[in-house]
Amino acid sequence: MSKYGPLEDYLKGRTEKEVPMTFEAIERIIGAPLPPSAGQRAWWSNNEQSSVITRAWKRAGYESANVDMSGRKLVFRRVAEPAPAAPPAVAEAAPAYVARGRHPLRGALKGLLGIAPGTDLAAPADPEWGDRAE
């Protein structure tokens, strides 16, 4: 989870069209102080390239509005339904499976390969490979 994941979760749990918040309240939710760049208006823009926190409130279905830099407060305004949670990647899920003794990919290809009867798996694929003159 990202540093701003708790803010995203908080906003996803809200049903109001507008959620007024102070910078201090955001710091309490994320459990850390906001970076010095949060003192610049551009950091609170809805451009996902300007700050990491923007992606958190966008995924929750909100945009920032009425940013008051001197009062250190803003309003999150609902613009869409929250984005559905992405399923965990195999790398993230693997520890839980490994703890139970089985990796999620183990046996994934079972039954997809067959060997023709009479095939000698120990025989070289090309018996004359060393006899070639090049």
N, C-alpha and C. Protein backbone atom coordinates (compact mmCIF):
# COMPACT_ATOMS: atom_id res chain seq x y z
N MET A 1 0.85 -1.17 0.00
CA MET A 1 0.00 0.00 0.00
C MET A 1 0.89 1.24 0.00
N SER A 2 0.49 2.25 -0.75
CA SER A 2 1.26 3.47 -0.82
C SER A 2 1.08 4.29 0.45
N LYS A 3 1.91 5.29 0.58
CA LYS A 3 1.84 6.18 1.74
C LYS A 3 0.45 6.81 1.85
N TYR A 4 -0.17 7.08 0.69
CA TYR A 4 -1.46 7.77 0.68
C TYR A 4 -2.64 6.81 0.55
N GLY A 5 -2.39 5.52 0.66
CA GLY A 5 -3.44 4.51 0.62
C GLY A 5 -4.50 4.73 1.71
N PRO A 6 -4.10 5.09 2.94
CA PRO A 6 -5.12 5.33 3.96
C PRO A 6 -6.07 6.47 3.61
N LEU A 7 -5.58 7.51 2.92
CA LEU A 7 -6.46 8.60 2.49
C LEU A 7 -7.43 8.08 1.43
N GLU A 8 -6.93 7.28 0.51
CA GLU A 8 -7.79 6.69 -0.52
C GLU A 8 -8.88 5.85 0.12
N ASP A 9 -8.51 5.00 1.08
CA ASP A 9 -9.49 4.16 1.77
C ASP A 9 -10.52 5.01 2.52
N TYR A 10 -10.04 6.06 3.17
CA TYR A 10 -10.94 6.96 3.90
C TYR A 10 -11.97 7.56 2.95
N LEU A 11 -11.50 8.09 1.82
CA LEU A 11 -12.42 8.72 0.87
C LEU A 11 -13.36 7.71 0.23
N LYS A 12 -12.87 6.50 -0.03
CA LYS A 12 -13.75 5.47 -0.60
C LYS A 12 -14.89 5.12 0.35
N GLY A 13 -14.63 5.28 1.64
CA GLY A 13 -15.65 4.96 2.63
C GLY A 13 -16.67 6.07 2.84
N ARG A 14 -16.46 7.21 2.21
CA ARG A 14 -17.36 8.35 2.36
C ARG A 14 -18.47 8.30 1.30
N THR A 15 -19.62 8.82 1.65
CA THR A 15 -20.73 8.83 0.69
C THR A 15 -21.12 10.25 0.29
N GLU A 16 -20.57 11.26 0.98
CA GLU A 16 -20.92 12.64 0.69
C GLU A 16 -20.38 13.08 -0.66
N LYS A 17 -21.04 14.07 -1.26
CA LYS A 17 -20.55 14.63 -2.52
C LYS A 17 -19.34 15.52 -2.28
N GLU A 18 -19.24 16.11 -1.10
CA GLU A 18 -18.11 16.95 -0.75
C GLU A 18 -17.60 16.58 0.64
N VAL A 19 -16.27 16.44 0.73
CA VAL A 19 -15.64 16.09 2.01
C VAL A 19 -14.61 17.18 2.32
N PRO A 20 -14.97 18.16 3.19
CA PRO A 20 -14.00 19.18 3.56
C PRO A 20 -12.96 18.60 4.52
N MET A 21 -11.70 18.96 4.31
CA MET A 21 -10.63 18.44 5.16
C MET A 21 -9.55 19.50 5.36
N THR A 22 -8.89 19.41 6.50
CA THR A 22 -7.71 20.24 6.73
C THR A 22 -6.47 19.41 6.41
N PHE A 23 -5.37 20.10 6.17
CA PHE A 23 -4.12 19.38 5.91
C PHE A 23 -3.75 18.52 7.13
N GLU A 24 -4.04 19.04 8.32
CA GLU A 24 -3.73 18.29 9.55
C GLU A 24 -4.54 16.99 9.63
N ALA A 25 -5.79 17.04 9.20
CA ALA A 25 -6.62 15.83 9.20
C ALA A 25 -6.05 14.80 8.23
N ILE A 26 -5.58 15.26 7.09
CA ILE A 26 -4.96 14.34 6.12
C ILE A 26 -3.72 13.72 6.72
N GLU A 27 -2.92 14.53 7.44
CA GLU A 27 -1.71 14.00 8.09
C GLU A 27 -2.06 12.95 9.13
N ARG A 28 -3.14 13.16 9.86
CA ARG A 28 -3.56 12.15 10.86
C ARG A 28 -3.98 10.86 10.15
N ILE A 29 -4.69 10.98 9.04
CA ILE A 29 -5.16 9.79 8.33
C ILE A 29 -3.99 8.99 7.76
N ILE A 30 -3.01 9.68 7.16
CA ILE A 30 -1.89 8.96 6.55
C ILE A 30 -0.82 8.60 7.58
N GLY A 31 -0.90 9.18 8.78
CA GLY A 31 0.05 8.84 9.84
C GLY A 31 1.43 9.42 9.63
N ALA A 32 1.52 10.51 8.88
CA ALA A 32 2.82 11.14 8.61
C ALA A 32 2.57 12.58 8.19
N PRO A 33 3.58 13.44 8.36
CA PRO A 33 3.40 14.81 7.88
C PRO A 33 3.43 14.88 6.36
N LEU A 34 2.71 15.84 5.82
CA LEU A 34 2.75 16.07 4.38
C LEU A 34 4.13 16.64 4.02
N PRO A 35 4.60 16.38 2.82
CA PRO A 35 5.92 16.89 2.43
C PRO A 35 5.90 18.41 2.27
N PRO A 36 7.07 19.06 2.27
CA PRO A 36 7.11 20.51 2.08
C PRO A 36 6.44 20.96 0.78
N SER A 37 6.46 20.13 -0.25
CA SER A 37 5.83 20.50 -1.53
C SER A 37 4.32 20.65 -1.40
N ALA A 38 3.72 20.16 -0.32
CA ALA A 38 2.28 20.32 -0.11
C ALA A 38 1.94 21.77 0.18
N GLY A 39 2.96 22.58 0.44
CA GLY A 39 2.74 24.01 0.66
C GLY A 39 2.58 24.78 -0.64
N GLN A 40 2.67 24.10 -1.77
CA GLN A 40 2.51 24.73 -3.08
C GLN A 40 1.16 24.31 -3.67
N ARG A 41 0.47 25.26 -4.26
CA ARG A 41 -0.86 24.99 -4.81
C ARG A 41 -0.83 23.87 -5.86
N ALA A 42 0.24 23.81 -6.66
CA ALA A 42 0.31 22.80 -7.72
C ALA A 42 0.23 21.38 -7.16
N TRP A 43 0.70 21.18 -5.94
CA TRP A 43 0.68 19.84 -5.34
C TRP A 43 -0.75 19.34 -5.13
N TRP A 44 -1.68 20.26 -4.99
CA TRP A 44 -3.09 19.92 -4.73
C TRP A 44 -3.93 19.94 -6.00
N SER A 45 -3.29 20.12 -7.16
CA SER A 45 -4.05 20.13 -8.41
C SER A 45 -4.54 18.72 -8.71
N ASN A 46 -5.43 18.60 -9.66
CA ASN A 46 -5.98 17.29 -10.03
C ASN A 46 -5.19 16.64 -11.16
N ASN A 47 -4.01 17.16 -11.44
CA ASN A 47 -3.11 16.58 -12.44
C ASN A 47 -2.33 15.45 -11.77
N GLU A 48 -2.55 14.24 -12.22
CA GLU A 48 -1.91 13.07 -11.59
C GLU A 48 -0.39 13.08 -11.72
N GLN A 49 0.14 13.92 -12.61
CA GLN A 49 1.59 14.00 -12.78
C GLN A 49 2.22 14.93 -11.74
N SER A 50 1.41 15.78 -11.09
CA SER A 50 1.98 16.78 -10.19
C SER A 50 2.30 16.24 -8.79
N SER A 51 1.58 15.23 -8.34
CA SER A 51 1.88 14.66 -7.02
C SER A 51 1.31 13.25 -6.90
N VAL A 52 1.88 12.51 -5.99
CA VAL A 52 1.47 11.11 -5.80
C VAL A 52 0.10 11.02 -5.12
N ILE A 53 -0.18 11.96 -4.26
CA ILE A 53 -1.44 11.93 -3.51
C ILE A 53 -2.64 12.07 -4.45
N THR A 54 -2.44 12.76 -5.58
CA THR A 54 -3.54 12.97 -6.52
C THR A 54 -4.13 11.65 -6.98
N ARG A 55 -3.27 10.66 -7.26
CA ARG A 55 -3.77 9.36 -7.71
C ARG A 55 -4.64 8.71 -6.65
N ALA A 56 -4.33 8.95 -5.38
CA ALA A 56 -5.12 8.35 -4.30
C ALA A 56 -6.54 8.91 -4.29
N TRP A 57 -6.67 10.24 -4.35
CA TRP A 57 -8.05 10.78 -4.31
C TRP A 57 -8.79 10.56 -5.61
N LYS A 58 -8.06 10.46 -6.73
CA LYS A 58 -8.72 10.17 -8.02
C LYS A 58 -9.27 8.74 -8.02
N ARG A 59 -8.47 7.77 -7.53
CA ARG A 59 -8.94 6.38 -7.47
C ARG A 59 -10.16 6.25 -6.56
N ALA A 60 -10.25 7.13 -5.56
CA ALA A 60 -11.40 7.10 -4.65
C ALA A 60 -12.62 7.78 -5.26
N GLY A 61 -12.45 8.42 -6.44
CA GLY A 61 -13.58 9.04 -7.11
C GLY A 61 -13.76 10.52 -6.79
N TYR A 62 -12.72 11.16 -6.27
CA TYR A 62 -12.80 12.56 -5.88
C TYR A 62 -11.81 13.41 -6.67
N GLU A 63 -12.03 14.73 -6.61
CA GLU A 63 -11.07 15.71 -7.09
C GLU A 63 -10.93 16.78 -6.01
N SER A 64 -9.80 17.45 -6.01
CA SER A 64 -9.61 18.52 -5.03
C SER A 64 -10.30 19.78 -5.53
N ALA A 65 -10.82 20.58 -4.59
CA ALA A 65 -11.49 21.83 -4.93
C ALA A 65 -11.34 22.78 -3.75
N ASN A 66 -11.53 24.06 -4.02
CA ASN A 66 -11.50 25.09 -2.98
C ASN A 66 -10.27 24.97 -2.08
N VAL A 67 -9.10 24.84 -2.68
CA VAL A 67 -7.87 24.71 -1.90
C VAL A 67 -7.53 26.07 -1.31
N ASP A 68 -7.44 26.11 0.02
CA ASP A 68 -7.11 27.33 0.75
C ASP A 68 -5.73 27.13 1.37
N MET A 69 -4.71 27.66 0.70
CA MET A 69 -3.34 27.44 1.16
C MET A 69 -3.08 28.12 2.50
N SER A 70 -3.59 29.33 2.70
CA SER A 70 -3.33 30.02 3.97
C SER A 70 -4.08 29.35 5.12
N GLY A 71 -5.28 28.87 4.86
CA GLY A 71 -6.05 28.17 5.89
C GLY A 71 -5.71 26.71 6.02
N ARG A 72 -4.85 26.20 5.11
CA ARG A 72 -4.41 24.80 5.10
C ARG A 72 -5.63 23.85 5.12
N LYS A 73 -6.53 24.07 4.13
CA LYS A 73 -7.71 23.21 4.03
C LYS A 73 -8.15 23.14 2.58
N LEU A 74 -8.99 22.15 2.27
CA LEU A 74 -9.53 21.96 0.93
C LEU A 74 -10.80 21.14 1.01
N VAL A 75 -11.42 20.96 -0.12
CA VAL A 75 -12.63 20.13 -0.22
C VAL A 75 -12.36 19.07 -1.27
N PHE A 76 -12.70 17.84 -0.95
CA PHE A 76 -12.66 16.77 -1.95
C PHE A 76 -14.09 16.63 -2.47
N ARG A 77 -14.25 16.78 -3.79
CA ARG A 77 -15.57 16.73 -4.42
C ARG A 77 -15.69 15.45 -5.24
N ARG A 78 -16.78 14.68 -5.00
CA ARG A 78 -16.98 13.42 -5.72
C ARG A 78 -17.29 13.71 -7.19
N VAL A 79 -16.54 13.03 -8.07
CA VAL A 79 -16.76 13.19 -9.51
C VAL A 79 -17.05 11.85 -10.19
N ALA A 80 -16.79 10.76 -9.49
CA ALA A 80 -17.00 9.42 -10.08
C ALA A 80 -17.10 8.41 -8.95
N GLU A 81 -17.54 7.23 -9.32
CA GLU A 81 -17.53 6.13 -8.36
C GLU A 81 -16.08 5.68 -8.17
N PRO A 82 -15.73 5.20 -6.98
CA PRO A 82 -14.36 4.75 -6.76
C PRO A 82 -13.96 3.66 -7.75
N ALA A 83 -12.68 3.67 -8.13
CA ALA A 83 -12.16 2.63 -9.01
C ALA A 83 -12.17 1.31 -8.25
N PRO A 84 -12.53 0.20 -8.90
CA PRO A 84 -12.52 -1.08 -8.21
C PRO A 84 -11.10 -1.46 -7.80
N ALA A 85 -11.00 -2.13 -6.70
CA ALA A 85 -9.68 -2.56 -6.23
C ALA A 85 -9.10 -3.59 -7.19
N ALA A 86 -7.84 -3.42 -7.49
CA ALA A 86 -7.16 -4.36 -8.39
C ALA A 86 -6.82 -5.63 -7.60
N PRO A 87 -6.92 -6.79 -8.23
CA PRO A 87 -6.55 -8.01 -7.52
C PRO A 87 -5.05 -8.00 -7.24
N PRO A 88 -4.62 -8.60 -6.15
CA PRO A 88 -3.19 -8.58 -5.85
C PRO A 88 -2.40 -9.33 -6.92
N ALA A 89 -1.23 -8.83 -7.20
CA ALA A 89 -0.35 -9.49 -8.17
C ALA A 89 0.11 -10.81 -7.57
N VAL A 90 0.57 -11.71 -8.41
CA VAL A 90 1.04 -13.01 -7.94
C VAL A 90 2.15 -12.84 -6.92
N ALA A 91 3.03 -11.88 -7.15
CA ALA A 91 4.14 -11.65 -6.22
C ALA A 91 3.62 -11.25 -4.84
N GLU A 92 2.54 -10.46 -4.80
CA GLU A 92 1.97 -10.06 -3.52
C GLU A 92 1.21 -11.22 -2.88
N ALA A 93 0.57 -12.03 -3.69
CA ALA A 93 -0.24 -13.13 -3.16
C ALA A 93 0.62 -14.32 -2.76
N ALA A 94 1.79 -14.45 -3.34
CA ALA A 94 2.63 -15.62 -3.12
C ALA A 94 2.92 -15.90 -1.65
N PRO A 95 3.25 -14.90 -0.82
CA PRO A 95 3.55 -15.24 0.58
C PRO A 95 2.42 -15.96 1.29
N ALA A 96 1.16 -15.59 1.03
CA ALA A 96 0.04 -16.27 1.67
C ALA A 96 -0.04 -17.72 1.21
N TYR A 97 0.18 -17.95 -0.08
CA TYR A 97 0.13 -19.32 -0.59
C TYR A 97 1.32 -20.13 -0.09
N VAL A 98 2.49 -19.51 -0.08
CA VAL A 98 3.67 -20.22 0.37
C VAL A 98 3.52 -20.59 1.84
N ALA A 99 2.90 -19.72 2.62
CA ALA A 99 2.68 -20.02 4.04
C ALA A 99 1.82 -21.27 4.20
N ARG A 100 0.93 -21.53 3.21
CA ARG A 100 0.10 -22.74 3.27
C ARG A 100 0.80 -23.91 2.60
N GLY A 101 2.03 -23.68 2.07
CA GLY A 101 2.80 -24.77 1.49
C GLY A 101 2.63 -24.97 0.00
N ARG A 102 1.95 -24.06 -0.69
CA ARG A 102 1.76 -24.25 -2.12
C ARG A 102 1.72 -22.90 -2.83
N HIS A 103 2.57 -22.75 -3.84
CA HIS A 103 2.62 -21.53 -4.63
C HIS A 103 1.46 -21.53 -5.62
N PRO A 104 0.87 -20.36 -5.93
CA PRO A 104 -0.30 -20.34 -6.82
C PRO A 104 -0.03 -20.82 -8.24
N LEU A 105 1.21 -20.79 -8.69
CA LEU A 105 1.50 -21.23 -10.06
C LEU A 105 1.88 -22.71 -10.13
N ARG A 106 2.05 -23.33 -9.00
CA ARG A 106 2.42 -24.75 -9.01
C ARG A 106 1.29 -25.58 -9.61
N GLY A 107 1.63 -26.34 -10.63
CA GLY A 107 0.65 -27.20 -11.28
C GLY A 107 -0.21 -26.49 -12.31
N ALA A 108 0.12 -25.24 -12.63
CA ALA A 108 -0.71 -24.48 -13.56
C ALA A 108 -0.73 -25.10 -14.96
N LEU A 109 0.31 -25.79 -15.36
CA LEU A 109 0.38 -26.37 -16.71
C LEU A 109 0.13 -27.87 -16.72
N LYS A 110 -0.27 -28.42 -15.59
CA LYS A 110 -0.50 -29.85 -15.47
C LYS A 110 -1.49 -30.33 -16.52
N GLY A 111 -1.11 -31.40 -17.25
CA GLY A 111 -1.98 -32.01 -18.23
C GLY A 111 -1.91 -31.38 -19.61
N LEU A 112 -1.07 -30.36 -19.79
CA LEU A 112 -0.98 -29.69 -21.08
C LEU A 112 0.12 -30.25 -21.97
N LEU A 113 0.95 -31.13 -21.44
CA LEU A 113 2.06 -31.69 -22.21
C LEU A 113 1.96 -33.20 -22.21
N GLY A 114 2.11 -33.78 -23.38
CA GLY A 114 2.08 -35.24 -23.47
C GLY A 114 3.31 -35.75 -24.21
N ILE A 115 3.77 -36.93 -23.86
CA ILE A 115 4.93 -37.55 -24.52
C ILE A 115 4.43 -38.77 -25.26
N ALA A 116 4.78 -38.84 -26.52
CA ALA A 116 4.33 -39.95 -27.36
C ALA A 116 4.87 -41.27 -26.83
N PRO A 117 4.06 -42.35 -26.87
CA PRO A 117 4.53 -43.66 -26.41
C PRO A 117 5.75 -44.09 -27.22
N GLY A 118 6.73 -44.71 -26.54
CA GLY A 118 7.94 -45.20 -27.20
C GLY A 118 9.04 -44.16 -27.31
N THR A 119 8.83 -42.95 -26.82
CA THR A 119 9.86 -41.92 -26.90
C THR A 119 10.91 -42.14 -25.82
N ASP A 120 12.19 -42.15 -26.23
CA ASP A 120 13.30 -42.29 -25.28
C ASP A 120 13.76 -40.90 -24.90
N LEU A 121 13.41 -40.46 -23.70
CA LEU A 121 13.75 -39.12 -23.26
C LEU A 121 15.24 -38.94 -22.98
N ALA A 122 15.97 -40.04 -22.83
CA ALA A 122 17.41 -39.95 -22.57
C ALA A 122 18.23 -39.93 -23.85
N ALA A 123 17.63 -40.21 -24.99
CA ALA A 123 18.36 -40.24 -26.26
C ALA A 123 18.65 -38.82 -26.72
N PRO A 124 19.81 -38.60 -27.36
CA PRO A 124 20.11 -37.26 -27.89
C PRO A 124 19.09 -36.88 -28.96
N ALA A 125 18.80 -35.60 -29.05
CA ALA A 125 17.83 -35.12 -30.03
C ALA A 125 18.36 -35.27 -31.44
N ASP A 126 19.67 -35.11 -31.61
CA ASP A 126 20.30 -35.24 -32.93
C ASP A 126 21.55 -36.09 -32.76
N PRO A 127 21.44 -37.43 -32.97
CA PRO A 127 22.57 -38.33 -32.72
C PRO A 127 23.81 -38.00 -33.56
N GLU A 128 23.67 -37.38 -34.69
CA GLU A 128 24.83 -37.10 -35.53
C GLU A 128 25.39 -35.70 -35.33
N TRP A 129 25.06 -35.03 -34.30
CA TRP A 129 25.45 -33.64 -34.15
C TRP A 129 26.98 -33.46 -34.10
N GLY A 130 27.70 -34.42 -33.57
CA GLY A 130 29.15 -34.31 -33.48
C GLY A 130 29.86 -34.81 -34.72
N ASP A 131 29.15 -35.44 -35.65
CA ASP A 131 29.79 -35.99 -36.85
C ASP A 131 29.82 -34.99 -38.01
N ARG A 132 29.22 -33.87 -37.86
CA ARG A 132 29.16 -32.91 -38.96
C ARG A 132 30.50 -32.18 -39.14
N ALA A 133 30.93 -32.06 -40.34
CA ALA A 133 32.13 -31.31 -40.66
C ALA A 133 31.70 -29.94 -41.16
N GLU A 134 32.17 -28.95 -40.54
CA GLU A 134 31.76 -27.60 -40.96
C GLU A 134 32.92 -26.81 -41.45
